[in-house]
N, C-alpha and C. Protein backbone atom coordinates (compact mmCIF):
# COMPACT_ATOMS: atom_id res chain seq x y z
N MET A 1 16.36 -82.63 120.57
CA MET A 1 16.56 -82.03 121.65
C MET A 1 15.49 -81.47 122.44
N THR A 2 15.38 -81.74 123.73
CA THR A 2 14.10 -81.26 124.30
C THR A 2 14.41 -79.98 124.82
N GLU A 3 13.33 -79.42 125.33
CA GLU A 3 13.14 -77.94 125.74
C GLU A 3 14.18 -77.63 126.80
N ALA A 4 15.08 -76.66 126.73
CA ALA A 4 16.12 -76.33 127.70
C ALA A 4 15.56 -75.29 128.73
N SER A 5 15.92 -75.60 129.90
CA SER A 5 15.46 -74.53 130.84
C SER A 5 16.87 -73.99 131.24
N ASN A 6 16.77 -73.02 132.13
CA ASN A 6 18.07 -72.30 132.77
C ASN A 6 18.71 -73.43 133.62
N ALA A 7 18.16 -74.35 134.09
CA ALA A 7 18.99 -75.32 134.94
C ALA A 7 19.70 -76.23 134.24
N THR A 8 19.28 -76.59 132.87
CA THR A 8 19.78 -77.82 132.03
C THR A 8 20.58 -77.26 130.82
N LEU A 9 20.42 -76.06 130.48
CA LEU A 9 21.19 -75.49 129.28
C LEU A 9 22.72 -75.37 129.67
N LYS A 10 23.62 -76.30 128.96
CA LYS A 10 25.01 -76.18 129.27
C LYS A 10 25.75 -75.90 128.07
N HIS A 11 25.34 -75.96 126.87
CA HIS A 11 26.05 -75.55 125.86
C HIS A 11 25.04 -74.86 124.89
N LEU A 12 25.59 -73.76 124.33
CA LEU A 12 24.75 -72.80 123.44
C LEU A 12 25.48 -73.01 122.08
N ARG A 13 24.75 -73.68 121.16
CA ARG A 13 25.30 -73.75 119.69
C ARG A 13 24.80 -73.00 118.84
N ILE A 14 25.67 -71.97 118.19
CA ILE A 14 25.23 -70.92 117.37
C ILE A 14 25.92 -71.00 116.09
N TRP A 15 25.05 -70.88 114.98
CA TRP A 15 25.54 -70.99 113.58
C TRP A 15 25.44 -69.51 112.99
N GLN A 16 26.55 -68.88 112.45
CA GLN A 16 26.46 -67.50 112.01
C GLN A 16 26.72 -67.72 110.32
N GLN A 17 25.89 -66.86 109.58
CA GLN A 17 25.99 -67.11 108.18
C GLN A 17 25.41 -65.74 107.46
N ASN A 18 26.23 -65.34 106.37
CA ASN A 18 25.67 -64.17 105.45
C ASN A 18 25.01 -65.13 104.35
N LEU A 19 23.72 -64.74 104.26
CA LEU A 19 23.10 -65.54 103.32
C LEU A 19 22.87 -64.85 101.96
N ASN A 20 23.41 -63.69 101.69
CA ASN A 20 23.34 -62.81 100.60
C ASN A 20 22.01 -62.75 100.00
N ARG A 21 20.99 -62.71 100.89
CA ARG A 21 19.63 -62.53 100.53
C ARG A 21 19.00 -63.71 99.77
N SER A 22 19.86 -64.94 99.84
CA SER A 22 19.36 -66.12 99.10
C SER A 22 18.23 -66.85 99.61
N GLY A 23 17.08 -66.99 99.16
CA GLY A 23 16.10 -67.82 99.58
C GLY A 23 16.44 -69.34 99.71
N ILE A 24 16.97 -69.78 98.56
CA ILE A 24 17.38 -71.21 98.51
C ILE A 24 18.43 -71.48 99.74
N ALA A 25 19.55 -70.57 99.89
CA ALA A 25 20.44 -70.77 101.06
C ALA A 25 19.63 -70.77 102.36
N GLN A 26 18.74 -70.06 102.53
CA GLN A 26 17.96 -69.88 103.79
C GLN A 26 17.19 -71.11 104.05
N HIS A 27 16.46 -71.63 103.02
CA HIS A 27 15.63 -72.70 103.20
C HIS A 27 16.59 -73.98 103.44
N SER A 28 17.73 -74.07 102.82
CA SER A 28 18.65 -75.18 102.81
C SER A 28 19.10 -75.19 104.28
N LEU A 29 19.48 -74.03 104.85
CA LEU A 29 19.88 -73.81 106.34
C LEU A 29 18.77 -74.43 107.15
N LEU A 30 17.69 -73.93 107.05
CA LEU A 30 16.52 -74.08 107.96
C LEU A 30 15.95 -75.53 107.91
N HIS A 31 15.94 -76.14 106.85
CA HIS A 31 15.36 -77.51 106.49
C HIS A 31 16.40 -78.57 106.24
N GLY A 32 17.63 -78.26 106.37
CA GLY A 32 18.68 -79.32 106.01
C GLY A 32 18.78 -80.33 107.32
N PRO A 33 19.62 -81.38 107.04
CA PRO A 33 19.74 -82.42 108.11
C PRO A 33 20.20 -81.88 109.31
N HIS A 34 21.15 -80.92 109.39
CA HIS A 34 21.74 -80.42 110.51
C HIS A 34 21.11 -79.21 111.25
N SER A 35 19.94 -78.98 110.84
CA SER A 35 19.41 -77.72 111.44
C SER A 35 18.97 -77.87 112.86
N ALA A 36 18.72 -78.99 113.24
CA ALA A 36 18.32 -79.55 114.74
C ALA A 36 19.41 -79.34 115.54
N ASN A 37 20.80 -79.36 114.98
CA ASN A 37 21.96 -79.23 115.90
C ASN A 37 22.29 -77.89 116.25
N TRP A 38 21.48 -76.82 116.14
CA TRP A 38 21.84 -75.55 116.33
C TRP A 38 20.73 -74.95 117.13
N ASP A 39 21.13 -74.10 118.17
CA ASP A 39 20.20 -73.46 119.15
C ASP A 39 19.75 -72.03 118.51
N ILE A 40 20.66 -71.53 117.94
CA ILE A 40 20.49 -70.13 117.29
C ILE A 40 21.17 -69.86 116.05
N PHE A 41 20.49 -69.42 114.99
CA PHE A 41 21.10 -69.04 113.88
C PHE A 41 21.20 -67.42 113.81
N ALA A 42 22.47 -66.95 113.74
CA ALA A 42 22.79 -65.47 113.74
C ALA A 42 22.89 -65.18 112.05
N LEU A 43 21.93 -64.50 111.46
CA LEU A 43 21.87 -64.27 110.07
C LEU A 43 22.21 -63.00 109.65
N GLN A 44 23.00 -62.67 108.63
CA GLN A 44 23.21 -61.44 108.02
C GLN A 44 22.63 -61.57 106.70
N GLU A 45 22.10 -60.49 106.09
CA GLU A 45 21.46 -60.63 104.76
C GLU A 45 20.52 -61.68 104.47
N PRO A 46 19.64 -61.88 105.41
CA PRO A 46 18.63 -63.01 105.21
C PRO A 46 17.74 -62.74 104.04
N HIS A 47 17.11 -63.83 103.50
CA HIS A 47 16.28 -63.57 102.46
C HIS A 47 14.98 -62.73 103.13
N VAL A 48 14.48 -61.67 102.42
CA VAL A 48 13.33 -61.07 102.97
C VAL A 48 12.27 -60.97 101.94
N ARG A 49 11.07 -61.41 102.50
CA ARG A 49 9.84 -61.30 101.44
C ARG A 49 9.42 -60.04 101.34
N PRO A 50 8.45 -59.71 100.30
CA PRO A 50 7.96 -58.41 99.98
C PRO A 50 7.21 -57.87 101.25
N ASN A 51 6.68 -58.58 101.98
CA ASN A 51 5.97 -57.94 103.41
C ASN A 51 7.12 -57.53 104.43
N GLY A 52 8.39 -57.67 104.06
CA GLY A 52 9.42 -57.24 105.11
C GLY A 52 9.93 -58.10 106.10
N ASN A 53 9.22 -59.48 105.94
CA ASN A 53 9.71 -60.44 106.93
C ASN A 53 10.48 -61.53 106.30
N THR A 54 11.37 -62.24 107.19
CA THR A 54 12.22 -63.19 106.52
C THR A 54 11.57 -64.58 106.52
N ILE A 55 12.34 -65.48 106.03
CA ILE A 55 11.75 -67.00 106.01
C ILE A 55 12.29 -67.56 107.46
N SER A 56 11.31 -68.27 107.98
CA SER A 56 11.65 -69.05 109.21
C SER A 56 10.91 -70.42 109.00
N SER A 57 10.92 -71.07 110.25
CA SER A 57 10.14 -72.31 110.31
C SER A 57 9.45 -72.46 111.72
N PRO A 58 8.56 -73.25 111.96
CA PRO A 58 7.81 -73.37 113.28
C PRO A 58 8.82 -73.74 114.31
N LYS A 59 9.89 -74.28 114.01
CA LYS A 59 11.13 -74.70 114.94
C LYS A 59 11.90 -73.64 115.47
N PHE A 60 11.66 -72.28 114.95
CA PHE A 60 12.53 -71.10 115.45
C PHE A 60 11.49 -69.94 115.63
N TYR A 61 11.94 -69.25 116.71
CA TYR A 61 11.48 -67.73 116.83
C TYR A 61 12.32 -66.74 115.95
N THR A 62 11.72 -65.96 115.31
CA THR A 62 12.52 -64.89 114.59
C THR A 62 12.58 -63.67 115.37
N VAL A 63 13.88 -63.20 115.55
CA VAL A 63 14.16 -61.96 116.26
C VAL A 63 14.61 -61.05 115.43
N TYR A 64 13.88 -59.93 115.03
CA TYR A 64 14.35 -58.90 114.35
C TYR A 64 15.00 -57.76 114.93
N PRO A 65 15.56 -56.76 114.39
CA PRO A 65 16.27 -55.66 115.10
C PRO A 65 15.02 -54.88 115.81
N SER A 66 15.33 -54.37 116.83
CA SER A 66 14.11 -53.84 117.73
C SER A 66 13.47 -52.73 116.97
N THR A 67 14.24 -52.10 115.93
CA THR A 67 13.80 -51.11 115.03
C THR A 67 12.84 -51.51 113.84
N HIS A 68 12.80 -52.71 113.73
CA HIS A 68 12.04 -53.39 112.69
C HIS A 68 10.63 -52.89 112.38
N LEU A 69 9.87 -52.75 113.40
CA LEU A 69 8.48 -52.41 113.26
C LEU A 69 8.42 -50.77 112.96
N SER A 70 9.19 -49.99 113.71
CA SER A 70 9.25 -48.56 113.61
C SER A 70 9.85 -48.10 112.16
N ASN A 71 10.47 -48.93 111.57
CA ASN A 71 11.17 -48.53 110.35
C ASN A 71 10.78 -49.49 109.29
N PRO A 72 9.49 -49.74 108.98
CA PRO A 72 9.11 -50.77 108.02
C PRO A 72 9.65 -50.66 106.59
N ASN A 73 9.99 -49.48 106.33
CA ASN A 73 10.86 -49.35 104.89
C ASN A 73 12.10 -49.70 104.78
N LEU A 74 12.83 -50.10 105.88
CA LEU A 74 14.23 -50.71 105.94
C LEU A 74 14.17 -52.26 105.87
N THR A 75 14.82 -52.67 104.88
CA THR A 75 14.86 -54.24 104.97
C THR A 75 15.75 -54.67 105.81
N PRO A 76 15.42 -55.76 106.75
CA PRO A 76 16.30 -56.10 107.94
C PRO A 76 17.48 -56.88 107.19
N ARG A 77 18.79 -56.38 107.75
CA ARG A 77 19.91 -57.02 107.19
C ARG A 77 20.49 -57.88 108.26
N ALA A 78 19.96 -58.06 109.49
CA ALA A 78 20.32 -59.12 110.52
C ALA A 78 19.07 -59.62 111.11
N ALA A 79 19.30 -60.79 111.69
CA ALA A 79 18.24 -61.51 112.19
C ALA A 79 18.73 -62.63 112.99
N LEU A 80 17.88 -62.98 114.10
CA LEU A 80 18.35 -64.13 114.98
C LEU A 80 17.12 -65.15 114.76
N LEU A 81 17.48 -66.51 114.70
CA LEU A 81 16.40 -67.41 114.80
C LEU A 81 16.75 -68.21 115.89
N VAL A 82 16.06 -68.19 116.90
CA VAL A 82 16.22 -69.05 118.14
C VAL A 82 15.22 -70.18 118.20
N SER A 83 15.92 -71.38 118.46
CA SER A 83 15.14 -72.57 118.45
C SER A 83 14.19 -72.61 119.50
N THR A 84 12.92 -73.13 119.14
CA THR A 84 11.86 -73.36 120.02
C THR A 84 12.15 -74.26 121.07
N THR A 85 13.24 -74.96 121.02
CA THR A 85 13.61 -75.82 122.28
C THR A 85 14.16 -75.08 123.26
N LEU A 86 14.54 -73.78 123.09
CA LEU A 86 14.98 -72.98 124.22
C LEU A 86 13.91 -72.28 124.79
N SER A 87 13.55 -72.50 126.00
CA SER A 87 12.53 -71.95 126.73
C SER A 87 12.47 -70.47 126.57
N THR A 88 11.39 -69.77 126.32
CA THR A 88 11.34 -68.37 126.15
C THR A 88 11.55 -67.72 127.55
N ASN A 89 11.55 -68.44 128.70
CA ASN A 89 11.75 -68.08 130.01
C ASN A 89 13.24 -67.81 130.20
N ILE A 90 14.22 -68.21 129.32
CA ILE A 90 15.62 -67.89 129.67
C ILE A 90 16.42 -66.97 128.51
N TRP A 91 15.48 -66.45 127.74
CA TRP A 91 15.98 -65.27 126.96
C TRP A 91 15.00 -64.13 126.58
N HIS A 92 15.56 -63.09 126.33
CA HIS A 92 14.72 -61.95 125.94
C HIS A 92 15.53 -60.99 124.94
N GLN A 93 14.88 -60.19 124.23
CA GLN A 93 15.46 -59.39 123.29
C GLN A 93 15.76 -58.06 124.20
N ILE A 94 16.97 -57.63 123.77
CA ILE A 94 17.25 -56.16 124.39
C ILE A 94 17.22 -55.18 123.33
N PRO A 95 16.39 -54.19 123.53
CA PRO A 95 16.41 -53.07 122.43
C PRO A 95 17.57 -52.37 122.20
N PHE A 96 17.85 -52.31 120.85
CA PHE A 96 18.99 -51.56 120.50
C PHE A 96 18.64 -50.50 119.29
N PRO A 97 19.05 -49.38 119.28
CA PRO A 97 18.56 -48.22 118.38
C PRO A 97 19.07 -48.30 116.85
N LEU A 98 19.87 -49.43 116.55
CA LEU A 98 20.47 -49.42 115.08
C LEU A 98 19.68 -50.55 114.40
N PRO A 99 19.21 -50.26 113.11
CA PRO A 99 18.53 -51.25 112.34
C PRO A 99 19.21 -52.44 111.92
N ASP A 100 20.56 -52.48 112.07
CA ASP A 100 21.36 -53.85 111.75
C ASP A 100 21.84 -54.49 112.68
N VAL A 101 21.37 -54.36 113.88
CA VAL A 101 21.80 -55.02 115.14
C VAL A 101 20.54 -55.57 115.81
N VAL A 102 20.92 -56.89 116.17
CA VAL A 102 19.94 -57.63 116.92
C VAL A 102 20.71 -58.08 118.20
N VAL A 103 19.98 -57.88 119.44
CA VAL A 103 20.62 -58.25 120.73
C VAL A 103 19.57 -59.08 121.52
N ILE A 104 19.95 -60.13 121.97
CA ILE A 104 19.23 -61.06 123.01
C ILE A 104 20.17 -61.24 124.10
N GLN A 105 19.46 -61.54 125.25
CA GLN A 105 20.29 -62.03 126.46
C GLN A 105 19.65 -63.31 126.98
N LEU A 106 20.62 -64.19 127.40
CA LEU A 106 20.17 -65.66 127.80
C LEU A 106 20.57 -65.54 129.28
N THR A 107 19.78 -66.19 130.09
CA THR A 107 20.10 -66.41 131.45
C THR A 107 20.05 -68.04 131.75
N THR A 108 21.20 -68.39 132.17
CA THR A 108 21.43 -69.95 132.57
C THR A 108 21.81 -70.04 133.82
N ALA A 109 21.94 -71.28 134.33
CA ALA A 109 22.55 -71.69 135.67
C ALA A 109 23.85 -71.07 135.84
N THR A 110 24.58 -70.85 134.70
CA THR A 110 26.04 -70.20 134.77
C THR A 110 26.16 -68.96 134.74
N GLY A 111 25.02 -68.14 134.53
CA GLY A 111 24.97 -66.72 134.38
C GLY A 111 24.39 -66.21 133.19
N LYS A 112 24.75 -64.90 132.73
CA LYS A 112 23.90 -64.37 131.48
C LYS A 112 24.92 -64.19 130.48
N THR A 113 24.44 -64.55 129.22
CA THR A 113 25.11 -64.34 128.11
C THR A 113 24.48 -63.32 127.07
N THR A 114 25.03 -62.47 126.67
CA THR A 114 24.50 -61.43 125.67
C THR A 114 25.00 -61.72 124.29
N LEU A 115 24.04 -62.03 123.42
CA LEU A 115 24.52 -62.37 121.93
C LEU A 115 24.03 -61.11 121.13
N ILE A 116 25.00 -60.62 120.44
CA ILE A 116 24.88 -59.40 119.53
C ILE A 116 25.22 -59.76 118.19
N ASN A 117 24.13 -59.79 117.32
CA ASN A 117 24.36 -59.90 115.80
C ASN A 117 24.42 -58.67 115.07
N VAL A 118 25.38 -58.43 114.39
CA VAL A 118 25.51 -57.17 113.67
C VAL A 118 25.88 -57.30 112.28
N TYR A 119 25.11 -56.77 111.47
CA TYR A 119 25.38 -56.66 110.00
C TYR A 119 26.25 -55.41 109.63
N ASN A 120 27.50 -55.54 109.03
CA ASN A 120 28.33 -54.55 108.73
C ASN A 120 28.58 -54.54 107.25
N ASP A 121 28.11 -53.68 106.61
CA ASP A 121 28.29 -53.55 105.11
C ASP A 121 29.62 -53.43 104.57
N GLY A 122 30.50 -53.04 105.53
CA GLY A 122 31.91 -53.03 104.98
C GLY A 122 32.29 -51.51 104.53
N ASP A 123 31.20 -50.86 104.12
CA ASP A 123 31.47 -49.52 103.54
C ASP A 123 31.34 -48.32 104.59
N SER A 124 30.67 -48.55 105.63
CA SER A 124 30.38 -47.48 106.56
C SER A 124 31.15 -47.44 107.68
N HIS A 125 31.46 -46.38 108.38
CA HIS A 125 32.26 -46.46 109.58
C HIS A 125 31.41 -46.14 110.81
N ASP A 126 30.26 -46.55 110.69
CA ASP A 126 29.46 -46.26 111.86
C ASP A 126 29.42 -47.39 112.84
């Protein structure tokens, strides 16, 4: 896939998965034969290294919750991996005040698309 600009992006291909913090599952997803078929990976419970960052690859930009740097003691439970084939001129992160939510907005020839990736532990009512 070549770099997509706002004039050429016609389809947005998104893969969503809860990885249950498994490094093996995340490596398999990122380096498997079908990883190039997706523009964005919306991850819940990604594998997180001791430094507080998740596993990625040079083929993806990692987008953490906007509170990630201000709350370094919280382990990220949601992340987006955006393919480097998508021009950074067509998307940007939108700040959101909760640590389990990642929001980006894409602008294409057909308009704006807002992608919200939420981790919900199923126990809270927030």
